Amino acid sequence: MWLELEKPAERIVALAPSIVENIYSAGAGDKLIAAIGSDYPKAARQLPEIGDYQLINYEALLVLKPDLIVAWSSGTGSRKIQKLRELGFTVFVTETKSLEDIASNVRTFGEIAGSSGVAERAADDWTRRLHDLMRDSEDKTQVSVLYQVWHKPLQTLNGDHLISDVIEACGGRNAYEDAIVLAPQISVESVLDRDPDVIIASGLGESRPQSLDDWKRYSGLTAVKLNNLYHVPPDIIQRHTMRVLDGMQLVCDQLDQVRDKKMRVSKTVK
């Protein structure tokens, strides 16, 4: 959805952590007056919180008088977006469905906030890095990947999610790309049946989730036999921001390790 403003926005409220990050990347962090989930970059932690994914503090918004609210379509939800518009707020709605959309969003935020020069340079640099990573993985042997979002219940992501694009760009194949639901709950039995070459878990933070070791009880699983149980911090792969390339670099490196292990095993068998 495009938005035309008479002049660049000066008082912006961002309704998702990824939006906060991308606005900072666009050189417009100083225009933010409140947010939801503002924890990165460090300067964003000083922003007032205007609610959470369940509730928005509409009264506080009316006091703040932002000239623009940036919402996340699937995260904020249509009802809240409609309510904001009914209250008279100008709302710009964004949704990131592909890796290229991240650079596009940063460019758009630069235009909206009057910082296009910074935004264009950031987007161009980011796009070059993305293409470099993709070229590095061209023609590499494909490996099957289970991306584990959570362990109880066991949950993954299907081929429509941006993380599946990351896996594919690194020369991998999402073991559940064919799942109908975006973030399906799956069974251990189905994982054993699909037998991925590697399991990559996100967990809650920087630390490797202990739940990854639960897979070791299934000694017949290829990912276990080759000790291909890896971790990527969720903030650098599950947030649709420029930091996703840091997560992508990590995934690509991990898949290279998987290929090396498979090659050594193949040579041993021969």
Protein backbone atom coordinates (compact mmCIF):
# COMPACT_ATOMS: atom_id res chain seq x y z
CA MET A 1 0.00 0.00 0.00
CA TRP A 2 1.41 3.38 -1.01
CA LEU A 3 0.91 6.58 0.95
CA GLU A 4 1.11 10.18 -0.16
CA LEU A 5 1.96 12.80 2.47
CA GLU A 6 1.97 16.55 2.00
CA LYS A 7 5.33 16.68 3.77
CA PRO A 8 7.72 14.13 5.37
CA ALA A 9 6.44 12.58 8.59
CA GLU A 10 7.98 14.10 11.72
CA ARG A 11 6.21 12.13 14.47
CA ILE A 12 6.10 8.41 13.70
CA VAL A 13 4.80 5.49 15.75
CA ALA A 14 5.93 1.98 14.74
CA LEU A 15 3.77 -0.99 15.69
CA ALA A 16 6.36 -3.79 15.38
CA PRO A 17 10.04 -4.32 16.28
CA SER A 18 10.94 -4.96 12.63
CA ILE A 19 9.38 -1.65 11.60
CA VAL A 20 11.39 0.15 14.29
CA GLU A 21 14.63 -1.39 13.01
CA ASN A 22 13.89 -0.62 9.38
CA ILE A 23 13.02 2.99 10.15
CA TYR A 24 16.38 3.37 11.90
CA SER A 25 18.08 1.74 8.90
CA ALA A 26 16.36 4.33 6.73
CA GLY A 27 17.98 7.10 8.74
CA ALA A 28 14.71 8.19 10.33
CA GLY A 29 15.05 6.87 13.87
CA ASP A 30 14.91 10.42 15.23
CA LYS A 31 11.36 10.71 13.87
CA LEU A 32 10.07 7.88 16.08
CA ILE A 33 8.09 8.98 19.15
CA ALA A 34 6.71 5.61 20.33
CA ALA A 35 6.65 1.96 19.31
CA ILE A 36 5.78 -1.62 20.11
CA GLY A 37 8.73 -3.90 20.86
CA SER A 38 11.45 -1.26 20.49
CA ASP A 39 14.62 -3.07 21.58
CA TYR A 40 16.99 -2.59 18.61
CA PRO A 41 19.08 -0.64 17.88
CA LYS A 42 20.14 0.49 21.36
CA ALA A 43 18.69 3.97 20.89
CA ALA A 44 15.25 2.44 20.27
CA ARG A 45 15.08 1.16 23.84
CA GLN A 46 14.38 4.71 24.99
CA LEU A 47 11.15 4.90 22.99
CA PRO A 48 7.87 4.81 24.95
CA GLU A 49 5.96 1.57 24.46
CA ILE A 50 2.49 2.16 23.07
CA GLY A 51 1.13 -1.33 23.76
CA ASP A 52 1.76 -4.88 22.56
CA TYR A 53 0.48 -7.28 19.95
CA GLN A 54 -2.77 -7.80 21.86
CA LEU A 55 -3.55 -4.25 22.95
CA ILE A 56 -2.74 -0.79 21.66
CA ASN A 57 -2.98 2.18 24.04
CA TYR A 58 -5.23 4.35 21.89
CA GLU A 59 -5.57 7.01 24.61
CA ALA A 60 -1.80 7.48 24.74
CA LEU A 61 -1.69 7.74 20.95
CA LEU A 62 -4.26 10.50 21.01
CA VAL A 63 -2.07 12.40 23.47
CA LEU A 64 1.10 11.85 21.41
CA LYS A 65 -0.57 13.03 18.17
CA PRO A 66 1.64 11.21 15.67
CA ASP A 67 1.39 12.35 12.07
CA LEU A 68 1.99 8.77 10.90
CA ILE A 69 1.53 5.29 12.33
CA VAL A 70 3.28 2.41 10.58
CA ALA A 71 1.51 -0.93 11.08
CA TRP A 72 2.37 -4.52 10.23
CA SER A 73 -0.50 -6.05 8.27
CA SER A 74 -0.47 -9.60 9.63
CA GLY A 75 0.88 -8.67 13.06
CA THR A 76 -1.17 -5.60 13.88
CA GLY A 77 -4.33 -6.99 12.34
CA SER A 78 -7.10 -5.42 10.28
CA ARG A 79 -9.34 -4.58 13.25
CA LYS A 80 -6.71 -2.51 15.02
CA ILE A 81 -5.71 -0.81 11.79
CA GLN A 82 -9.34 0.09 11.11
CA LYS A 83 -9.75 1.40 14.67
CA LEU A 84 -6.68 3.63 14.26
CA ARG A 85 -8.09 5.08 11.06
CA GLU A 86 -11.48 5.65 12.66
CA LEU A 87 -9.70 7.68 15.34
CA GLY A 88 -8.31 9.91 12.60
CA PHE A 89 -4.73 8.63 12.42
CA THR A 90 -2.85 8.33 9.14
CA VAL A 91 -1.76 4.69 8.92
CA PHE A 92 0.75 3.15 6.54
CA VAL A 93 0.51 -0.66 6.39
CA THR A 94 3.51 -2.79 5.47
CA GLU A 95 4.08 -6.52 4.97
CA THR A 96 7.34 -8.28 4.16
CA LYS A 97 6.94 -11.39 2.03
CA SER A 98 10.35 -11.71 0.41
CA LEU A 99 13.97 -10.81 1.05
CA GLU A 100 13.82 -8.05 -1.54
CA ASP A 101 10.87 -6.50 0.32
CA ILE A 102 13.20 -5.60 3.20
CA ALA A 103 15.24 -3.23 1.05
CA SER A 104 12.04 -1.91 -0.51
CA ASN A 105 10.58 -1.14 2.92
CA VAL A 106 13.70 0.75 3.98
CA ARG A 107 13.54 2.84 0.81
CA THR A 108 9.86 3.56 1.43
CA PHE A 109 10.46 4.63 5.02
CA GLY A 110 13.17 6.97 3.77
CA GLU A 111 10.72 8.59 1.36
CA ILE A 112 8.03 8.90 4.02
CA ALA A 113 10.38 10.45 6.57
CA GLY A 114 12.49 12.60 4.26
CA SER A 115 15.71 10.59 4.61
CA SER A 116 15.84 9.02 1.16
CA GLY A 117 19.57 9.56 0.73
CA VAL A 118 20.45 7.45 3.77
CA ALA A 119 17.76 4.90 2.99
CA GLU A 120 18.84 4.40 -0.63
CA ARG A 121 22.48 3.87 0.34
CA ALA A 122 21.53 1.39 3.06
CA ALA A 123 19.20 -0.51 0.73
CA ASP A 124 21.74 -0.63 -2.10
CA ASP A 125 24.51 -1.91 0.20
CA TRP A 126 22.17 -4.49 1.69
CA THR A 127 21.01 -5.70 -1.72
CA ARG A 128 24.60 -6.12 -2.92
CA ARG A 129 25.41 -8.19 0.15
CA LEU A 130 22.29 -10.33 -0.41
CA HIS A 131 23.26 -11.06 -4.00
CA ASP A 132 26.84 -11.86 -2.97
CA LEU A 133 25.58 -14.41 -0.44
CA MET A 134 23.28 -15.95 -3.02
CA ARG A 135 26.07 -16.23 -5.59
CA ASP A 136 28.29 -17.94 -3.04
CA SER A 137 25.71 -20.71 -2.69
CA GLU A 138 25.04 -21.26 -6.38
CA ASP A 139 25.53 -24.81 -7.66
CA LYS A 140 26.14 -26.25 -4.18
CA THR A 141 24.69 -29.62 -3.24
CA GLN A 142 21.20 -29.15 -1.85
CA VAL A 143 20.58 -30.20 1.77
CA SER A 144 17.27 -30.73 3.53
CA VAL A 145 16.57 -28.37 6.45
CA LEU A 146 14.12 -28.49 9.32
CA TYR A 147 13.79 -25.01 10.78
CA GLN A 148 12.48 -25.43 14.31
CA VAL A 149 10.63 -22.38 15.60
CA TRP A 150 9.67 -24.01 18.88
CA HIS A 151 9.83 -27.41 20.56
CA LYS A 152 6.65 -27.66 22.69
CA PRO A 153 4.62 -27.86 20.58
CA LEU A 154 7.03 -28.73 17.79
CA GLN A 155 6.61 -26.03 15.18
CA THR A 156 8.22 -25.09 11.87
CA LEU A 157 7.58 -22.78 8.89
CA ASN A 158 6.40 -23.56 5.38
CA GLY A 159 7.66 -22.47 1.98
CA ASP A 160 5.75 -19.17 2.04
CA HIS A 161 7.77 -17.80 4.94
CA LEU A 162 10.77 -15.55 4.37
CA ILE A 163 13.00 -17.97 6.30
CA SER A 164 12.32 -20.57 3.63
CA ASP A 165 13.74 -18.06 1.12
CA VAL A 166 16.84 -17.75 3.30
CA ILE A 167 17.27 -21.52 3.35
CA GLU A 168 16.84 -21.74 -0.42
CA ALA A 169 19.27 -18.86 -1.01
CA CYS A 170 21.88 -20.82 0.97
CA GLY A 171 21.41 -23.87 -1.22
CA GLY A 172 19.05 -25.68 1.11
CA ARG A 173 15.53 -27.01 0.87
CA ASN A 174 12.91 -26.46 3.54
CA ALA A 175 11.81 -29.94 4.61
CA TYR A 176 8.30 -28.58 5.21
CA GLU A 177 8.01 -26.25 2.24
CA ASP A 178 4.84 -28.08 1.21
CA ALA A 179 2.99 -27.50 4.49
CA ILE A 180 -0.34 -25.74 4.01
CA VAL A 181 -0.17 -23.56 7.13
CA LEU A 182 2.48 -20.84 7.41
CA ALA A 183 3.69 -22.01 10.83
CA PRO A 184 2.48 -25.60 11.21
CA GLN A 185 2.73 -27.78 14.29
CA ILE A 186 4.40 -31.04 13.32
CA SER A 187 5.04 -34.42 14.89
CA VAL A 188 8.32 -36.12 15.67
CA GLU A 189 7.12 -39.01 13.50
CA SER A 190 6.82 -36.74 10.47
CA VAL A 191 10.34 -35.42 11.07
CA LEU A 192 11.67 -38.97 11.24
CA ASP A 193 9.85 -39.73 7.99
CA ARG A 194 11.25 -36.66 6.17
CA ASP A 195 14.69 -37.21 7.73
CA PRO A 196 16.25 -33.74 7.25
CA ASP A 197 20.01 -33.41 6.83
CA VAL A 198 20.09 -30.62 9.41
CA ILE A 199 17.90 -29.13 12.13
CA ILE A 200 18.23 -25.40 12.79
CA ALA A 201 16.46 -24.03 15.85
CA SER A 202 15.81 -20.44 16.80
CA GLY A 203 14.78 -20.56 20.45
CA LEU A 204 14.30 -17.39 22.47
CA GLY A 205 17.61 -15.57 22.34
CA GLU A 206 21.33 -15.65 21.71
CA SER A 207 21.90 -18.96 23.53
CA ARG A 208 21.56 -22.33 21.85
CA PRO A 209 18.26 -23.86 23.04
CA GLN A 210 18.74 -26.98 25.18
CA SER A 211 15.72 -28.51 23.43
CA LEU A 212 17.92 -29.14 20.38
CA ASP A 213 19.58 -31.96 22.28
CA ASP A 214 16.21 -33.72 22.62
CA TRP A 215 16.73 -34.90 19.04
CA LYS A 216 19.74 -36.98 20.10
CA ARG A 217 17.44 -39.73 21.32
CA TYR A 218 16.57 -40.39 17.65
CA SER A 219 19.90 -41.86 16.61
CA GLY A 220 18.66 -42.90 13.17
CA LEU A 221 17.93 -39.31 12.13
CA THR A 222 20.50 -38.05 9.61
CA ALA A 223 20.79 -34.68 11.37
CA VAL A 224 21.65 -36.52 14.58
CA LYS A 225 24.04 -39.04 13.04
CA LEU A 226 26.10 -36.22 11.53
CA ASN A 227 25.65 -33.92 14.55
CA ASN A 228 23.92 -31.33 12.41
CA LEU A 229 21.96 -29.60 15.18
CA TYR A 230 22.44 -25.85 14.86
CA HIS A 231 21.12 -22.62 16.31
CA VAL A 232 20.44 -19.16 14.85
CA PRO A 233 19.35 -16.35 17.21
CA PRO A 234 15.75 -15.45 16.32
CA ASP A 235 16.29 -11.68 16.14
CA ILE A 236 18.65 -12.03 13.16
CA ILE A 237 16.49 -14.37 11.13
CA GLN A 238 12.85 -14.16 12.23
CA ARG A 239 12.64 -10.37 12.18
CA HIS A 240 12.24 -9.01 8.69
CA THR A 241 15.02 -6.44 8.95
CA MET A 242 18.43 -5.85 7.45
CA ARG A 243 19.96 -8.03 10.17
CA VAL A 244 18.42 -11.05 8.44
CA LEU A 245 21.56 -11.19 6.30
CA ASP A 246 23.58 -11.84 9.48
CA GLY A 247 21.28 -14.79 10.10
CA MET A 248 21.52 -15.82 6.46
CA GLN A 249 25.32 -15.78 6.62
CA LEU A 250 25.15 -18.07 9.65
CA VAL A 251 22.71 -20.44 7.93
CA CYS A 252 24.88 -20.56 4.79
CA ASP A 253 27.96 -21.35 6.89
CA GLN A 254 26.06 -24.09 8.72
CA LEU A 255 24.84 -25.68 5.50
CA ASP A 256 28.42 -25.66 4.20
CA GLN A 257 29.43 -27.61 7.31
CA VAL A 258 26.62 -30.07 6.62
CA ARG A 259 27.86 -30.58 3.06
CA ASP A 260 31.42 -31.16 4.27
CA LYS A 261 30.25 -33.78 6.76
CA LYS A 262 28.16 -35.58 4.14
CA MET A 263 31.09 -35.59 1.74
CA ARG A 264 33.43 -37.09 4.37
CA VAL A 265 30.89 -39.78 5.18
CA SER A 266 30.42 -40.54 1.47
CA LYS A 267 34.18 -40.93 0.99
CA THR A 268 34.40 -43.21 4.05
CA VAL A 269 31.63 -45.46 2.72
CA LYS A 270 33.35 -45.76 -0.65
